[in-house]
Amino acid sequence: MSVTATPRWSGSFGGFSAPFVHPDPEQWQRDAASVGLRVDDVRVDDLSWDFGSREAFTAWCAVGFGGWTGHLTAEEGSAFVDQVVDAYAEATGSDHVFRFMQLVGKLSRP
């Protein structure tokens, strides 16, 4: 999302909201309880996927970023993905390892 706010892309993403929801664990538990579910377990795993190369990671991103690149031409989409991978590499120190936090929970009905 920070790349969408850069001067190069801000005109293409005015009013754009991220197409994915990333709730924090406490909010997720409150939401589950509000619809009558019991949270039996919740954790956040720190995970990573090593794609082995920038090219493989970029190809995966090109598919996964459809919510963003769908607003762009094919050429712009490729340039956008490249810029996101550059920004990601700067932030994480790798242009081929995807690091992410995954919320894992177990719900039941009381």
Foldseek 3Di string as FASTA:
>chain_A
DVLCVDPVRVVLQPVNDDPDDDDDPVVVQVVCVVVQKHWPDKDKDKDKDFLPDLVSQLVVVLVVVCSPCVSDDPVVSSVSSVVVLVVVCVVPVDSGMDIDIDMDTDIDHD
